[in-house]
Structure formats: structure tokens, C-alpha cells
């Protein structure tokens, strides 16, 4: 169970994992396989009822192509958590999705 005595917001982290998984059109089973964990454990992470290891978190960041700050921003205590380039993780995720949709549209432009 998640430790409620920490400042870590596991519910928010889980919601962000679920959001990105769905944006990338992955099932829990598909993402869990890529992460090397069970789908059941991933479901717990997404609900905030279990804690991912640091190794799993890093694998999640690499697999879903986001900086760790994206998952941790609700738990960090400084305002407006930004990546070194000055873009918030939320904005980066939105820009990434926009770019993906734009590239997909351009691929089918002449169809």
C-alpha cells in the first residue's frame, strides 16, 4: 500500500500513467509487458494503491517518452515544475500528442 505519511501523490502519478497509456493507445497488458510488470500491478499503480519502484518509474518514463517530472510534478513542492528547457511536463505531453497527430495527418495528406 502507498505510504500516506509521505508527500508523494501516488493517485496523481497513477492518473498520469493512465492518461499517457491511453494517449498512446496501449492496454494495461501491453504497457505492463513493456515495463516488465504484471497488468494487475500496473492497475494498482494507476489507481495509486501500489508504489512503483524507481526502476519501474524510469522504465515508464523511457517507454512513455516523458521526463520523470511529468509523473512527479504533483508531489514536488516548488511551483511550476519545469524541465530544463522551461516547458512544463503537461505542456510537453500536449505538444508531443499534437506533433504525433500532425505527423499522422501529413502522412495521409495526399490520400
PDB file of N, CA and C in Angstrom:
ATOM      1  N   UNK A   1       0.836  -1.183   0.000  1.00  0.00           N
ATOM      2  CA  UNK A   1       0.000   0.000   0.000  1.00  0.00           C
ATOM      3  C   UNK A   1       0.883   1.249   0.000  1.00  0.00           C
ATOM      4  N   UNK A   2       0.420   2.289  -0.623  1.00  0.00           N
ATOM      5  CA  UNK A   2       1.170   3.534  -0.653  1.00  0.00           C
ATOM      6  C   UNK A   2       1.262   4.112   0.751  1.00  0.00           C
ATOM      7  N   UNK A   3       2.413   4.634   1.073  1.00  0.00           N
ATOM      8  CA  UNK A   3       2.642   5.229   2.381  1.00  0.00           C
ATOM      9  C   UNK A   3       1.982   6.602   2.419  1.00  0.00           C
ATOM     10  N   UNK A   4       0.993   6.774   3.256  1.00  0.00           N
ATOM     11  CA  UNK A   4       0.263   8.044   3.321  1.00  0.00           C
ATOM     12  C   UNK A   4       1.004   9.097   4.137  1.00  0.00           C
ATOM     13  N   UNK A   5       2.141   8.742   4.742  1.00  0.00           N
ATOM     14  CA  UNK A   5       2.906   9.706   5.527  1.00  0.00           C
ATOM     15  C   UNK A   5       3.918  10.465   4.690  1.00  0.00           C
ATOM     16  N   UNK A   6       3.994  10.183   3.409  1.00  0.00           N
ATOM     17  CA  UNK A   6       4.942  10.878   2.550  1.00  0.00           C
ATOM     18  C   UNK A   6       4.243  12.043   1.869  1.00  0.00           C
ATOM     19  N   UNK A   7       5.025  12.819   1.161  1.00  0.00           N
ATOM     20  CA  UNK A   7       4.472  13.909   0.368  1.00  0.00           C
ATOM     21  C   UNK A   7       4.230  13.464  -1.064  1.00  0.00           C
ATOM     22  N   UNK A   8       4.392  12.181  -1.323  1.00  0.00           N
ATOM     23  CA  UNK A   8       4.223  11.644  -2.665  1.00  0.00           C
ATOM     24  C   UNK A   8       2.747  11.492  -2.988  1.00  0.00           C
ATOM     25  N   UNK A   9       2.337  11.998  -4.129  1.00  0.00           N
ATOM     26  CA  UNK A   9       0.949  11.903  -4.566  1.00  0.00           C
ATOM     27  C   UNK A   9       0.833  10.740  -5.552  1.00  0.00           C
ATOM     28  N   UNK A  10       0.591   9.544  -5.031  1.00  0.00           N
ATOM     29  CA  UNK A  10       0.531   8.338  -5.860  1.00  0.00           C
ATOM     30  C   UNK A  10      -0.715   8.315  -6.744  1.00  0.00           C
ATOM     31  N   UNK A  11      -1.782   8.931  -6.298  1.00  0.00           N
ATOM     32  CA  UNK A  11      -3.003   8.973  -7.099  1.00  0.00           C
ATOM     33  C   UNK A  11      -2.768   9.780  -8.364  1.00  0.00           C
ATOM     34  N   UNK A  12      -2.137  10.936  -8.240  1.00  0.00           N
ATOM     35  CA  UNK A  12      -1.842  11.769  -9.402  1.00  0.00           C
ATOM     36  C   UNK A  12      -0.878  11.058 -10.338  1.00  0.00           C
ATOM     37  N   UNK A  13       0.151  10.436  -9.790  1.00  0.00           N
ATOM     38  CA  UNK A  13       1.106   9.702 -10.610  1.00  0.00           C
ATOM     39  C   UNK A  13       0.372   8.642 -11.424  1.00  0.00           C
ATOM     40  N   UNK A  14      -0.504   7.890 -10.779  1.00  0.00           N
ATOM     41  CA  UNK A  14      -1.256   6.849 -11.457  1.00  0.00           C
ATOM     42  C   UNK A  14      -2.159   7.396 -12.550  1.00  0.00           C
ATOM     43  N   UNK A  15      -2.793   8.524 -12.280  1.00  0.00           N
ATOM     44  CA  UNK A  15      -3.658   9.138 -13.280  1.00  0.00           C
ATOM     45  C   UNK A  15      -2.862   9.571 -14.499  1.00  0.00           C
ATOM     46  N   UNK A  16      -1.645  10.054 -14.270  1.00  0.00           N
ATOM     47  CA  UNK A  16      -0.788  10.473 -15.381  1.00  0.00           C
ATOM     48  C   UNK A  16      -0.326   9.272 -16.197  1.00  0.00           C
ATOM     49  N   UNK A  17      -0.021   8.170 -15.516  1.00  0.00           N
ATOM     50  CA  UNK A  17       0.359   6.940 -16.223  1.00  0.00           C
ATOM     51  C   UNK A  17      -0.811   6.497 -17.105  1.00  0.00           C
ATOM     52  N   UNK A  18      -2.001   6.450 -16.522  1.00  0.00           N
ATOM     53  CA  UNK A  18      -3.194   6.024 -17.270  1.00  0.00           C
ATOM     54  C   UNK A  18      -3.442   6.942 -18.472  1.00  0.00           C
ATOM     55  N   UNK A  19      -3.335   8.248 -18.279  1.00  0.00           N
ATOM     56  CA  UNK A  19      -3.552   9.207 -19.355  1.00  0.00           C
ATOM     57  C   UNK A  19      -2.590   8.958 -20.521  1.00  0.00           C
ATOM     58  N   UNK A  20      -1.309   8.830 -20.214  1.00  0.00           N
ATOM     59  CA  UNK A  20      -0.334   8.614 -21.279  1.00  0.00           C
ATOM     60  C   UNK A  20      -0.525   7.258 -21.949  1.00  0.00           C
ATOM     61  N   UNK A  21      -0.838   6.240 -21.157  1.00  0.00           N
ATOM     62  CA  UNK A  21      -1.066   4.909 -21.722  1.00  0.00           C
ATOM     63  C   UNK A  21      -2.212   4.976 -22.731  1.00  0.00           C
ATOM     64  N   UNK A  22      -3.284   5.643 -22.349  1.00  0.00           N
ATOM     65  CA  UNK A  22      -4.436   5.754 -23.247  1.00  0.00           C
ATOM     66  C   UNK A  22      -4.123   6.611 -24.469  1.00  0.00           C
ATOM     67  N   UNK A  23      -3.371   7.703 -24.272  1.00  0.00           N
ATOM     68  CA  UNK A  23      -2.989   8.555 -25.408  1.00  0.00           C
ATOM     69  C   UNK A  23      -2.176   7.767 -26.427  1.00  0.00           C
ATOM     70  N   UNK A  24      -1.373   6.831 -25.940  1.00  0.00           N
ATOM     71  CA  UNK A  24      -0.540   6.008 -26.826  1.00  0.00           C
ATOM     72  C   UNK A  24      -1.277   4.751 -27.284  1.00  0.00           C
ATOM     73  N   UNK A  25      -2.563   4.671 -26.921  1.00  0.00           N
ATOM     74  CA  UNK A  25      -3.435   3.567 -27.326  1.00  0.00           C
ATOM     75  C   UNK A  25      -2.875   2.198 -26.931  1.00  0.00           C
ATOM     76  N   UNK A  26      -2.379   2.135 -25.685  1.00  0.00           N
ATOM     77  CA  UNK A  26      -1.862   0.881 -25.134  1.00  0.00           C
ATOM     78  C   UNK A  26      -2.844   0.343 -24.104  1.00  0.00           C
ATOM     79  N   UNK A  27      -3.011  -0.966 -24.067  1.00  0.00           N
ATOM     80  CA  UNK A  27      -3.789  -1.588 -23.000  1.00  0.00           C
ATOM     81  C   UNK A  27      -2.886  -1.700 -21.779  1.00  0.00           C
ATOM     82  N   UNK A  28      -3.504  -1.975 -20.640  1.00  0.00           N
ATOM     83  CA  UNK A  28      -2.696  -2.213 -19.436  1.00  0.00           C
ATOM     84  C   UNK A  28      -1.759  -3.393 -19.665  1.00  0.00           C
ATOM     85  N   UNK A  29      -2.254  -4.415 -20.334  1.00  0.00           N
ATOM     86  CA  UNK A  29      -1.441  -5.603 -20.589  1.00  0.00           C
ATOM     87  C   UNK A  29      -0.227  -5.271 -21.453  1.00  0.00           C
ATOM     88  N   UNK A  30      -0.427  -4.453 -22.493  1.00  0.00           N
ATOM     89  CA  UNK A  30       0.679  -4.088 -23.386  1.00  0.00           C
ATOM     90  C   UNK A  30       1.734  -3.258 -22.658  1.00  0.00           C
ATOM     91  N   UNK A  31       1.276  -2.246 -21.901  1.00  0.00           N
ATOM     92  CA  UNK A  31       2.242  -1.417 -21.181  1.00  0.00           C
ATOM     93  C   UNK A  31       2.939  -2.224 -20.100  1.00  0.00           C
ATOM     94  N   UNK A  32       2.195  -3.030 -19.367  1.00  0.00           N
ATOM     95  CA  UNK A  32       2.796  -3.847 -18.311  1.00  0.00           C
ATOM     96  C   UNK A  32       3.892  -4.741 -18.875  1.00  0.00           C
ATOM     97  N   UNK A  33       3.642  -5.331 -20.032  1.00  0.00           N
ATOM     98  CA  UNK A  33       4.646  -6.199 -20.650  1.00  0.00           C
ATOM     99  C   UNK A  33       5.915  -5.411 -20.975  1.00  0.00           C
ATOM    100  N   UNK A  34       5.744  -4.214 -21.517  1.00  0.00           N
ATOM    101  CA  UNK A  34       6.897  -3.359 -21.841  1.00  0.00           C
ATOM    102  C   UNK A  34       7.667  -2.943 -20.587  1.00  0.00           C
ATOM    103  N   UNK A  35       6.929  -2.816 -19.472  1.00  0.00           N
ATOM    104  CA  UNK A  35       7.567  -2.404 -18.217  1.00  0.00           C
ATOM    105  C   UNK A  35       8.147  -3.579 -17.435  1.00  0.00           C
ATOM    106  N   UNK A  36       7.776  -4.790 -17.812  1.00  0.00           N
ATOM    107  CA  UNK A  36       8.254  -5.968 -17.094  1.00  0.00           C
ATOM    108  C   UNK A  36       7.537  -6.183 -15.771  1.00  0.00           C
ATOM    109  N   UNK A  37       6.268  -5.760 -15.712  1.00  0.00           N
ATOM    110  CA  UNK A  37       5.462  -5.956 -14.507  1.00  0.00           C
ATOM    111  C   UNK A  37       4.138  -6.591 -14.920  1.00  0.00           C
ATOM    112  N   UNK A  38       3.361  -7.035 -13.960  1.00  0.00           N
ATOM    113  CA  UNK A  38       2.062  -7.630 -14.284  1.00  0.00           C
ATOM    114  C   UNK A  38       1.032  -6.533 -14.558  1.00  0.00           C
ATOM    115  N   UNK A  39       0.027  -6.882 -15.350  1.00  0.00           N
ATOM    116  CA  UNK A  39      -1.055  -5.945 -15.630  1.00  0.00           C
ATOM    117  C   UNK A  39      -1.788  -5.573 -14.339  1.00  0.00           C
ATOM    118  N   UNK A  40      -1.895  -6.532 -13.438  1.00  0.00           N
ATOM    119  CA  UNK A  40      -2.549  -6.277 -12.154  1.00  0.00           C
ATOM    120  C   UNK A  40      -1.778  -5.210 -11.362  1.00  0.00           C
ATOM    121  N   UNK A  41      -0.453  -5.333 -11.337  1.00  0.00           N
ATOM    122  CA  UNK A  41       0.362  -4.348 -10.619  1.00  0.00           C
ATOM    123  C   UNK A  41       0.250  -2.976 -11.277  1.00  0.00           C
ATOM    124  N   UNK A  42       0.247  -2.942 -12.616  1.00  0.00           N
ATOM    125  CA  UNK A  42       0.075  -1.669 -13.313  1.00  0.00           C
ATOM    126  C   UNK A  42      -1.270  -1.043 -12.954  1.00  0.00           C
ATOM    127  N   UNK A  43      -2.309  -1.861 -12.864  1.00  0.00           N
ATOM    128  CA  UNK A  43      -3.615  -1.352 -12.458  1.00  0.00           C
ATOM    129  C   UNK A  43      -3.568  -0.712 -11.080  1.00  0.00           C
ATOM    130  N   UNK A  44      -2.828  -1.335 -10.169  1.00  0.00           N
ATOM    131  CA  UNK A  44      -2.669  -0.757  -8.829  1.00  0.00           C
ATOM    132  C   UNK A  44      -1.904   0.566  -8.886  1.00  0.00           C
ATOM    133  N   UNK A  45      -0.875   0.620  -9.717  1.00  0.00           N
ATOM    134  CA  UNK A  45      -0.112   1.870  -9.864  1.00  0.00           C
ATOM    135  C   UNK A  45      -1.043   2.965 -10.380  1.00  0.00           C
ATOM    136  N   UNK A  46      -1.851   2.631 -11.386  1.00  0.00           N
ATOM    137  CA  UNK A  46      -2.756   3.621 -11.969  1.00  0.00           C
ATOM    138  C   UNK A  46      -3.807   4.094 -10.967  1.00  0.00           C
ATOM    139  N   UNK A  47      -4.175   3.254 -10.033  1.00  0.00           N
ATOM    140  CA  UNK A  47      -5.148   3.653  -9.004  1.00  0.00           C
ATOM    141  C   UNK A  47      -4.471   4.287  -7.786  1.00  0.00           C
ATOM    142  N   UNK A  48      -3.150   4.259  -7.731  1.00  0.00           N
ATOM    143  CA  UNK A  48      -2.421   4.846  -6.610  1.00  0.00           C
ATOM    144  C   UNK A  48      -2.410   3.980  -5.371  1.00  0.00           C
ATOM    145  N   UNK A  49      -2.699   2.677  -5.524  1.00  0.00           N
ATOM    146  CA  UNK A  49      -2.746   1.786  -4.362  1.00  0.00           C
ATOM    147  C   UNK A  49      -1.463   0.973  -4.169  1.00  0.00           C
ATOM    148  N   UNK A  50      -0.554   1.043  -5.128  1.00  0.00           N
ATOM    149  CA  UNK A  50       0.748   0.392  -5.001  1.00  0.00           C
ATOM    150  C   UNK A  50       1.811   1.363  -5.478  1.00  0.00           C
ATOM    151  N   UNK A  51       3.035   1.147  -5.024  1.00  0.00           N
ATOM    152  CA  UNK A  51       4.144   2.045  -5.326  1.00  0.00           C
ATOM    153  C   UNK A  51       5.078   1.389  -6.335  1.00  0.00           C
ATOM    154  N   UNK A  52       5.325   2.069  -7.435  1.00  0.00           N
ATOM    155  CA  UNK A  52       6.279   1.587  -8.431  1.00  0.00           C
ATOM    156  C   UNK A  52       7.694   1.787  -7.906  1.00  0.00           C
ATOM    157  N   UNK A  53       8.565   0.851  -8.209  1.00  0.00           N
ATOM    158  CA  UNK A  53       9.970   1.005  -7.840  1.00  0.00           C
ATOM    159  C   UNK A  53      10.586   2.109  -8.696  1.00  0.00           C
ATOM    160  N   UNK A  54      11.730   2.589  -8.287  1.00  0.00           N
ATOM    161  CA  UNK A  54      12.429   3.608  -9.062  1.00  0.00           C
ATOM    162  C   UNK A  54      12.775   3.050 -10.447  1.00  0.00           C
ATOM    163  N   UNK A  55      13.178   1.795 -10.492  1.00  0.00           N
ATOM    164  CA  UNK A  55      13.498   1.160 -11.776  1.00  0.00           C
ATOM    165  C   UNK A  55      12.268   1.140 -12.692  1.00  0.00           C
ATOM    166  N   UNK A  56      11.113   0.803 -12.138  1.00  0.00           N
ATOM    167  CA  UNK A  56       9.877   0.790 -12.934  1.00  0.00           C
ATOM    168  C   UNK A  56       9.516   2.200 -13.383  1.00  0.00           C
ATOM    169  N   UNK A  57       9.688   3.176 -12.510  1.00  0.00           N
ATOM    170  CA  UNK A  57       9.403   4.563 -12.877  1.00  0.00           C
ATOM    171  C   UNK A  57      10.291   5.016 -14.039  1.00  0.00           C
ATOM    172  N   UNK A  58      11.572   4.682 -13.983  1.00  0.00           N
ATOM    173  CA  UNK A  58      12.495   5.053 -15.066  1.00  0.00           C
ATOM    174  C   UNK A  58      12.086   4.358 -16.362  1.00  0.00           C
ATOM    175  N   UNK A  59      11.749   3.076 -16.275  1.00  0.00           N
ATOM    176  CA  UNK A  59      11.306   2.347 -17.457  1.00  0.00           C
ATOM    177  C   UNK A  59      10.029   2.963 -18.016  1.00  0.00           C
ATOM    178  N   UNK A  60       9.130   3.396 -17.133  1.00  0.00           N
ATOM    179  CA  UNK A  60       7.896   4.060 -17.548  1.00  0.00           C
ATOM    180  C   UNK A  60       8.207   5.349 -18.305  1.00  0.00           C
ATOM    181  N   UNK A  61       9.113   6.131 -17.761  1.00  0.00           N
ATOM    182  CA  UNK A  61       9.485   7.394 -18.416  1.00  0.00           C
ATOM    183  C   UNK A  61      10.058   7.125 -19.807  1.00  0.00           C
ATOM    184  N   UNK A  62      10.953   6.154 -19.910  1.00  0.00           N
ATOM    185  CA  UNK A  62      11.550   5.837 -21.202  1.00  0.00           C
ATOM    186  C   UNK A  62      10.517   5.275 -22.174  1.00  0.00           C
ATOM    187  N   UNK A  63       9.661   4.400 -21.698  1.00  0.00           N
ATOM    188  CA  UNK A  63       8.648   3.764 -22.554  1.00  0.00           C
ATOM    189  C   UNK A  63       7.609   4.763 -23.030  1.00  0.00           C
ATOM    190  N   UNK A  64       7.154   5.629 -22.138  1.00  0.00           N
ATOM    191  CA  UNK A  64       6.113   6.600 -22.477  1.00  0.00           C
ATOM    192  C   UNK A  64       6.686   7.928 -22.968  1.00  0.00           C
ATOM    193  N   UNK A  65       8.022   8.025 -22.987  1.00  0.00           N
ATOM    194  CA  UNK A  65       8.750   9.179 -23.523  1.00  0.00           C
ATOM    195  C   UNK A  65       8.408  10.489 -22.831  1.00  0.00           C
ATOM    196  N   UNK A  66       8.505  10.467 -21.499  1.00  0.00           N
ATOM    197  CA  UNK A  66       8.303  11.680 -20.706  1.00  0.00           C
ATOM    198  C   UNK A  66       9.423  11.792 -19.673  1.00  0.00           C
ATOM    199  N   UNK A  67       9.647  13.009 -19.217  1.00  0.00           N
ATOM    200  CA  UNK A  67      10.603  13.240 -18.145  1.00  0.00           C
ATOM    201  C   UNK A  67       9.978  12.814 -16.818  1.00  0.00           C
ATOM    202  N   UNK A  68      10.781  12.397 -15.844  1.00  0.00           N
ATOM    203  CA  UNK A  68      10.231  11.997 -14.542  1.00  0.00           C
ATOM    204  C   UNK A  68       9.362  13.077 -13.903  1.00  0.00           C
ATOM    205  N   UNK A  69       9.670  14.325 -14.176  1.00  0.00           N
ATOM    206  CA  UNK A  69       8.903  15.423 -13.596  1.00  0.00           C
ATOM    207  C   UNK A  69       7.436  15.349 -13.977  1.00  0.00           C
ATOM    208  N   UNK A  70       7.142  14.777 -15.134  1.00  0.00           N
ATOM    209  CA  UNK A  70       5.745  14.656 -15.559  1.00  0.00           C
ATOM    210  C   UNK A  70       4.961  13.838 -14.528  1.00  0.00           C
ATOM    211  N   UNK A  71       5.538  12.728 -14.083  1.00  0.00           N
ATOM    212  CA  UNK A  71       4.862  11.871 -13.115  1.00  0.00           C
ATOM    213  C   UNK A  71       4.925  12.429 -11.700  1.00  0.00           C
ATOM    214  N   UNK A  72       5.971  13.184 -11.390  1.00  0.00           N
ATOM    215  CA  UNK A  72       6.209  13.613 -10.012  1.00  0.00           C
ATOM    216  C   UNK A  72       5.769  15.036  -9.710  1.00  0.00           C
ATOM    217  N   UNK A  73       5.304  15.778 -10.704  1.00  0.00           N
ATOM    218  CA  UNK A  73       5.071  17.210 -10.504  1.00  0.00           C
ATOM    219  C   UNK A  73       4.063  17.513  -9.393  1.00  0.00           C
ATOM    220  N   UNK A  74       3.061  16.664  -9.184  1.00  0.00           N
ATOM    221  CA  UNK A  74       2.091  16.921  -8.118  1.00  0.00           C
ATOM    222  C   UNK A  74       2.702  16.711  -6.734  1.00  0.00           C
ATOM    223  N   UNK A  75       3.821  15.999  -6.680  1.00  0.00           N
ATOM    224  CA  UNK A  75       4.460  15.713  -5.401  1.00  0.00           C
ATOM    225  C   UNK A  75       5.619  16.648  -5.090  1.00  0.00           C
ATOM    226  N   UNK A  76       6.083  17.382  -6.082  1.00  0.00           N
ATOM    227  CA  UNK A  76       7.200  18.300  -5.872  1.00  0.00           C
ATOM    228  C   UNK A  76       6.657  19.605  -5.318  1.00  0.00           C
ATOM    229  N   UNK A  77       7.405  20.225  -4.415  1.00  0.00           N
ATOM    230  CA  UNK A  77       6.892  21.373  -3.676  1.00  0.00           C
ATOM    231  C   UNK A  77       7.265  22.733  -4.247  1.00  0.00           C
ATOM    232  N   UNK A  78       8.018  22.758  -5.314  1.00  0.00           N
ATOM    233  CA  UNK A  78       8.291  24.062  -5.894  1.00  0.00           C
ATOM    234  C   UNK A  78       7.256  24.342  -6.974  1.00  0.00           C
ATOM    235  N   UNK A  79       6.999  25.596  -7.186  1.00  0.00           N
ATOM    236  CA  UNK A  79       5.957  25.999  -8.111  1.00  0.00           C
ATOM    237  C   UNK A  79       6.379  25.786  -9.552  1.00  0.00           C
ATOM    238  N   UNK A  80       5.403  25.460 -10.381  1.00  0.00           N
ATOM    239  CA  UNK A  80       5.592  25.402 -11.818  1.00  0.00           C
ATOM    240  C   UNK A  80       6.785  24.537 -12.209  1.00  0.00           C
ATOM    241  N   UNK A  81       6.760  23.284 -11.789  1.00  0.00           N
ATOM    242  CA  UNK A  81       7.829  22.332 -12.095  1.00  0.00           C
ATOM    243  C   UNK A  81       8.048  22.278 -13.601  1.00  0.00           C
ATOM    244  N   UNK A  82       9.225  22.643 -14.035  1.00  0.00           N
ATOM    245  CA  UNK A  82       9.524  22.654 -15.459  1.00  0.00           C
ATOM    246  C   UNK A  82      10.755  21.801 -15.738  1.00  0.00           C
ATOM    247  N   UNK A  83      10.845  21.331 -16.955  1.00  0.00           N
ATOM    248  CA  UNK A  83      12.030  20.618 -17.392  1.00  0.00           C
ATOM    249  C   UNK A  83      13.117  21.660 -17.643  1.00  0.00           C
ATOM    250  N   UNK A  84      14.373  21.230 -17.824  1.00  0.00           N
ATOM    251  CA  UNK A  84      15.455  22.210 -18.025  1.00  0.00           C
ATOM    252  C   UNK A  84      15.215  23.163 -19.193  1.00  0.00           C
ATOM    253  N   UNK A  85      14.442  22.765 -20.199  1.00  0.00           N
ATOM    254  CA  UNK A  85      14.187  23.658 -21.326  1.00  0.00           C
ATOM    255  C   UNK A  85      13.061  24.647 -21.051  1.00  0.00           C
ATOM    256  N   UNK A  86      12.475  24.608 -19.834  1.00  0.00           N
ATOM    257  CA  UNK A  86      11.465  25.575 -19.441  1.00  0.00           C
ATOM    258  C   UNK A  86      10.043  25.196 -19.787  1.00  0.00           C
ATOM    259  N   UNK A  87       9.827  23.996 -20.301  1.00  0.00           N
ATOM    260  CA  UNK A  87       8.482  23.547 -20.658  1.00  0.00           C
ATOM    261  C   UNK A  87       7.953  22.650 -19.549  1.00  0.00           C
ATOM    262  N   UNK A  88       6.746  22.900 -19.113  1.00  0.00           N
ATOM    263  CA  UNK A  88       6.168  22.048 -18.078  1.00  0.00           C
ATOM    264  C   UNK A  88       5.904  20.661 -18.656  1.00  0.00           C
ATOM    265  N   UNK A  89       5.935  19.637 -17.822  1.00  0.00           N
ATOM    266  CA  UNK A  89       5.660  18.279 -18.311  1.00  0.00           C
ATOM    267  C   UNK A  89       4.293  18.155 -18.977  1.00  0.00           C
ATOM    268  N   UNK A  90       3.298  18.860 -18.455  1.00  0.00           N
ATOM    269  CA  UNK A  90       1.964  18.811 -19.053  1.00  0.00           C
ATOM    270  C   UNK A  90       1.976  19.387 -20.463  1.00  0.00           C
ATOM    271  N   UNK A  91       2.656  20.519 -20.623  1.00  0.00           N
ATOM    272  CA  UNK A  91       2.752  21.140 -21.939  1.00  0.00           C
ATOM    273  C   UNK A  91       3.531  20.248 -22.890  1.00  0.00           C
ATOM    274  N   UNK A  92       4.606  19.633 -22.406  1.00  0.00           N
ATOM    275  CA  UNK A  92       5.399  18.723 -23.242  1.00  0.00           C
ATOM    276  C   UNK A  92       4.531  17.558 -23.723  1.00  0.00           C
ATOM    277  N   UNK A  93       3.724  16.980 -22.833  1.00  0.00           N
ATOM    278  CA  UNK A  93       2.854  15.868 -23.219  1.00  0.00           C
ATOM    279  C   UNK A  93       1.841  16.321 -24.267  1.00  0.00           C
ATOM    280  N   UNK A  94       1.280  17.520 -24.092  1.00  0.00           N
ATOM    281  CA  UNK A  94       0.314  18.038 -25.062  1.00  0.00           C
ATOM    282  C   UNK A  94       0.981  18.308 -26.409  1.00  0.00           C
ATOM    283  N   UNK A  95       2.172  18.885 -26.384  1.00  0.00           N
ATOM    284  CA  UNK A  95       2.893  19.152 -27.630  1.00  0.00           C
ATOM    285  C   UNK A  95       3.280  17.857 -28.337  1.00  0.00           C
ATOM    286  N   UNK A  96       3.663  16.860 -27.573  1.00  0.00           N
ATOM    287  CA  UNK A  96       4.015  15.559 -28.143  1.00  0.00           C
ATOM    288  C   UNK A  96       2.812  14.948 -28.843  1.00  0.00           C
ATOM    289  N   UNK A  97       1.656  14.997 -28.202  1.00  0.00           N
ATOM    290  CA  UNK A  97       0.439  14.455 -28.794  1.00  0.00           C
ATOM    291  C   UNK A  97       0.051  15.262 -30.032  1.00  0.00           C
ATOM    292  N   UNK A  98       0.171  16.569 -29.981  1.00  0.00           N
ATOM    293  CA  UNK A  98      -0.130  17.415 -31.141  1.00  0.00           C
ATOM    294  C   UNK A  98       0.787  17.060 -32.305  1.00  0.00           C
ATOM    295  N   UNK A  99       2.080  16.911 -32.028  1.00  0.00           N
ATOM    296  CA  UNK A  99       3.045  16.563 -33.068  1.00  0.00           C
ATOM    297  C   UNK A  99       2.721  15.208 -33.679  1.00  0.00           C
ATOM    298  N   UNK A 100       2.361  14.233 -32.847  1.00  0.00           N
ATOM    299  CA  UNK A 100       2.014  12.908 -33.341  1.00  0.00           C
ATOM    300  C   UNK A 100       0.809  12.994 -34.285  1.00  0.00           C
ATOM    301  N   UNK A 101      -0.221  13.732 -33.876  1.00  0.00           N
ATOM    302  CA  UNK A 101      -1.413  13.879 -34.714  1.00  0.00           C
ATOM    303  C   UNK A 101      -1.100  14.620 -36.014  1.00  0.00           C
ATOM    304  N   UNK A 102      -0.262  15.651 -35.937  1.00  0.00           N
ATOM    305  CA  UNK A 102       0.119  16.402 -37.133  1.00  0.00           C
ATOM    306  C   UNK A 102       0.890  15.510 -38.102  1.00  0.00           C
ATOM    307  N   UNK A 103       1.825  14.707 -37.590  1.00  0.00           N
ATOM    308  CA  UNK A 103       2.593  13.808 -38.450  1.00  0.00           C
ATOM    309  C   UNK A 103       1.688  12.772 -39.096  1.00  0.00           C
ATOM    310  N   UNK A 104       0.739  12.259 -38.343  1.00  0.00           N
ATOM    311  CA  UNK A 104      -0.207  11.276 -38.880  1.00  0.00           C
ATOM    312  C   UNK A 104      -1.058  11.897 -39.983  1.00  0.00           C
ATOM    313  N   UNK A 105      -1.509  13.124 -39.768  1.00  0.00           N
ATOM    314  CA  UNK A 105      -2.308  13.821 -40.773  1.00  0.00           C
ATOM    315  C   UNK A 105      -1.490  14.062 -42.035  1.00  0.00           C
ATOM    316  N   UNK A 106      -0.242  14.484 -41.883  1.00  0.00           N
ATOM    317  CA  UNK A 106       0.609  14.752 -43.045  1.00  0.00           C
ATOM    318  C   UNK A 106       0.916  13.487 -43.839  1.00  0.00           C
ATOM    319  N   UNK A 107       1.047  12.351 -43.147  1.00  0.00           N
ATOM    320  CA  UNK A 107       1.302  11.083 -43.823  1.00  0.00           C
ATOM    321  C   UNK A 107       0.148  10.727 -44.762  1.00  0.00           C
ATOM    322  N   UNK A 108      -1.060  11.116 -44.401  1.00  0.00           N
ATOM    323  CA  UNK A 108      -2.243  10.789 -45.196  1.00  0.00           C
ATOM    324  C   UNK A 108      -2.744  11.979 -46.031  1.00  0.00           C
ATOM    325  N   UNK A 109      -1.936  13.014 -46.150  1.00  0.00           N
ATOM    326  CA  UNK A 109      -2.351  14.250 -46.804  1.00  0.00           C
ATOM    327  C   UNK A 109      -2.790  14.023 -48.246  1.00  0.00           C
ATOM    328  N   UNK A 110      -2.050  13.212 -48.992  1.00  0.00           N
ATOM    329  CA  UNK A 110      -2.342  13.013 -50.418  1.00  0.00           C
ATOM    330  C   UNK A 110      -3.327  11.886 -50.679  1.00  0.00           C
ATOM    331  N   UNK A 111      -3.795  11.210 -49.643  1.00  0.00           N
ATOM    332  CA  UNK A 111      -4.722  10.073 -49.832  1.00  0.00           C
ATOM    333  C   UNK A 111      -6.089  10.512 -50.277  1.00  0.00           C
TER     334      UNK A 111
END
